[in-house]
C-alpha atoms as a PDB file:
ATOM      1  CA  MET A   1      70.227-225.920  56.404  1.00  0.00           C
ATOM      2  CA  ASP A   2      68.120-227.080  53.459  1.00  0.00           C
ATOM      3  CA  ILE A   3      70.567-228.633  50.971  1.00  0.00           C
ATOM      4  CA  HIS A   4      69.073-228.950  47.476  1.00  0.00           C
ATOM      5  CA  LYS A   5      71.870-230.961  45.876  1.00  0.00           C
ATOM      6  CA  GLU A   6      74.948-232.801  47.120  1.00  0.00           C
ATOM      7  CA  ILE A   7      77.929-233.962  45.101  1.00  0.00           C
ATOM      8  CA  ASP A   8      80.692-236.337  46.161  1.00  0.00           C
ATOM      9  CA  THR A   9      84.132-235.375  44.890  1.00  0.00           C
ATOM     10  CA  ARG A  10      86.102-237.606  47.283  1.00  0.00           C
ATOM     11  CA  GLY A  11      89.361-238.786  45.739  1.00  0.00           C
ATOM     12  CA  LEU A  12      89.367-236.050  43.089  1.00  0.00           C
ATOM     13  CA  ASN A  13      92.021-233.357  42.990  1.00  0.00           C
ATOM     14  CA  CYS A  14      91.906-229.779  41.713  1.00  0.00           C
ATOM     15  CA  PRO A  15      90.355-228.694  39.451  1.00  0.00           C
ATOM     16  CA  LEU A  16      87.808-231.554  39.319  1.00  0.00           C
ATOM     17  CA  PRO A  17      85.824-230.675  42.502  1.00  0.00           C
ATOM     18  CA  ILE A  18      85.403-227.099  41.217  1.00  0.00           C
ATOM     19  CA  LEU A  19      84.410-228.257  37.730  1.00  0.00           C
ATOM     20  CA  LYS A  20      81.817-230.679  39.124  1.00  0.00           C
ATOM     21  CA  ALA A  21      80.431-227.961  41.425  1.00  0.00           C
ATOM     22  CA  LYS A  22      80.232-225.502  38.535  1.00  0.00           C
ATOM     23  CA  LYS A  23      78.294-228.036  36.448  1.00  0.00           C
ATOM     24  CA  ALA A  24      75.942-228.847  39.345  1.00  0.00           C
ATOM     25  CA  LEU A  25      75.234-225.153  39.989  1.00  0.00           C
ATOM     26  CA  THR A  26      74.137-224.585  36.381  1.00  0.00           C
ATOM     27  CA  ASP A  27      71.234-227.007  36.950  1.00  0.00           C
ATOM     28  CA  MET A  28      70.100-225.244  40.128  1.00  0.00           C
ATOM     29  CA  LEU A  29      67.829-222.268  40.799  1.00  0.00           C
ATOM     30  CA  SER A  30      69.025-219.014  42.339  1.00  0.00           C
ATOM     31  CA  GLY A  31      69.228-219.285  46.131  1.00  0.00           C
ATOM     32  CA  GLN A  32      69.462-223.075  46.237  1.00  0.00           C
ATOM     33  CA  LEU A  33      72.250-224.725  48.229  1.00  0.00           C
ATOM     34  CA  LEU A  34      74.884-227.122  46.905  1.00  0.00           C
ATOM     35  CA  LYS A  35      76.923-229.290  49.273  1.00  0.00           C
ATOM     36  CA  VAL A  36      80.286-230.553  48.014  1.00  0.00           C
ATOM     37  CA  VAL A  37      82.190-233.278  49.872  1.00  0.00           C
ATOM     38  CA  ALA A  38      85.894-233.336  48.966  1.00  0.00           C
ATOM     39  CA  THR A  39      89.119-234.942  50.208  1.00  0.00           C
ATOM     40  CA  ASP A  40      91.528-232.529  48.480  1.00  0.00           C
ATOM     41  CA  PRO A  41      93.032-230.245  51.176  1.00  0.00           C
ATOM     42  CA  GLY A  42      93.440-227.504  48.558  1.00  0.00           C
ATOM     43  CA  SER A  43      89.679-227.471  47.964  1.00  0.00           C
ATOM     44  CA  THR A  44      89.141-225.067  50.871  1.00  0.00           C
ATOM     45  CA  ARG A  45      91.168-222.359  49.190  1.00  0.00           C
ATOM     46  CA  ASP A  46      89.850-223.315  45.745  1.00  0.00           C
ATOM     47  CA  PHE A  47      86.193-222.923  46.749  1.00  0.00           C
ATOM     48  CA  GLN A  48      86.878-219.559  48.395  1.00  0.00           C
ATOM     49  CA  ALA A  49      88.388-218.297  45.125  1.00  0.00           C
ATOM     50  CA  PHE A  50      85.608-219.915  43.062  1.00  0.00           C
ATOM     51  CA  ALA A  51      82.909-218.152  45.100  1.00  0.00           C
ATOM     52  CA  LYS A  52      84.607-214.764  44.675  1.00  0.00           C
ATOM     53  CA  GLN A  53      85.061-215.240  40.924  1.00  0.00           C
ATOM     54  CA  THR A  54      81.541-216.501  40.191  1.00  0.00           C
ATOM     55  CA  GLY A  55      79.430-214.485  42.640  1.00  0.00           C
ATOM     56  CA  ASN A  56      78.042-217.617  44.289  1.00  0.00           C
ATOM     57  CA  GLU A  57      77.986-217.369  48.084  1.00  0.00           C
ATOM     58  CA  LEU A  58      80.203-219.683  50.115  1.00  0.00           C
ATOM     59  CA  VAL A  59      77.821-220.333  53.003  1.00  0.00           C
ATOM     60  CA  GLU A  60      79.896-222.813  54.994  1.00  0.00           C
ATOM     61  CA  GLN A  61      83.189-224.675  55.011  1.00  0.00           C
ATOM     62  CA  LYS A  62      84.143-227.308  57.544  1.00  0.00           C
ATOM     63  CA  THR A  63      86.549-230.190  57.972  1.00  0.00           C
ATOM     64  CA  LEU A  64      85.343-233.568  59.230  1.00  0.00           C
ATOM     65  CA  GLY A  65      88.310-235.892  59.627  1.00  0.00           C
ATOM     66  CA  ASP A  66      89.928-236.093  56.193  1.00  0.00           C
ATOM     67  CA  GLU A  67      86.882-234.667  54.396  1.00  0.00           C
ATOM     68  CA  PHE A  68      86.202-231.052  53.496  1.00  0.00           C
ATOM     69  CA  ILE A  69      82.593-229.880  53.283  1.00  0.00           C
ATOM     70  CA  HIS A  70      81.711-226.836  51.191  1.00  0.00           C
ATOM     71  CA  VAL A  71      78.215-225.338  50.946  1.00  0.00           C
ATOM     72  CA  LEU A  72      77.520-222.861  48.148  1.00  0.00           C
ATOM     73  CA  ARG A  73      74.400-220.770  47.505  1.00  0.00           C
ATOM     74  CA  ARG A  74      73.583-220.368  43.812  1.00  0.00           C
ATOM     75  CA  ARG A  75      73.634-216.710  42.797  1.00  0.00           C
END
């Protein structure tokens, strides 16, 4: 997977990971991938809702230890 931008939101709780992802996506081109690393367990559900609301595609979600990885494709 060719990630174009990665943001670290470790230690931040809702809604900060979503807000930082939203800001990062505005600087990206359509089709580019954004990787978000979070430690908030609620971020999994939050990013699913965010993708539905904004039309950005949630390409992947996975958990690695206490970290949650979210990959979004810019609409």
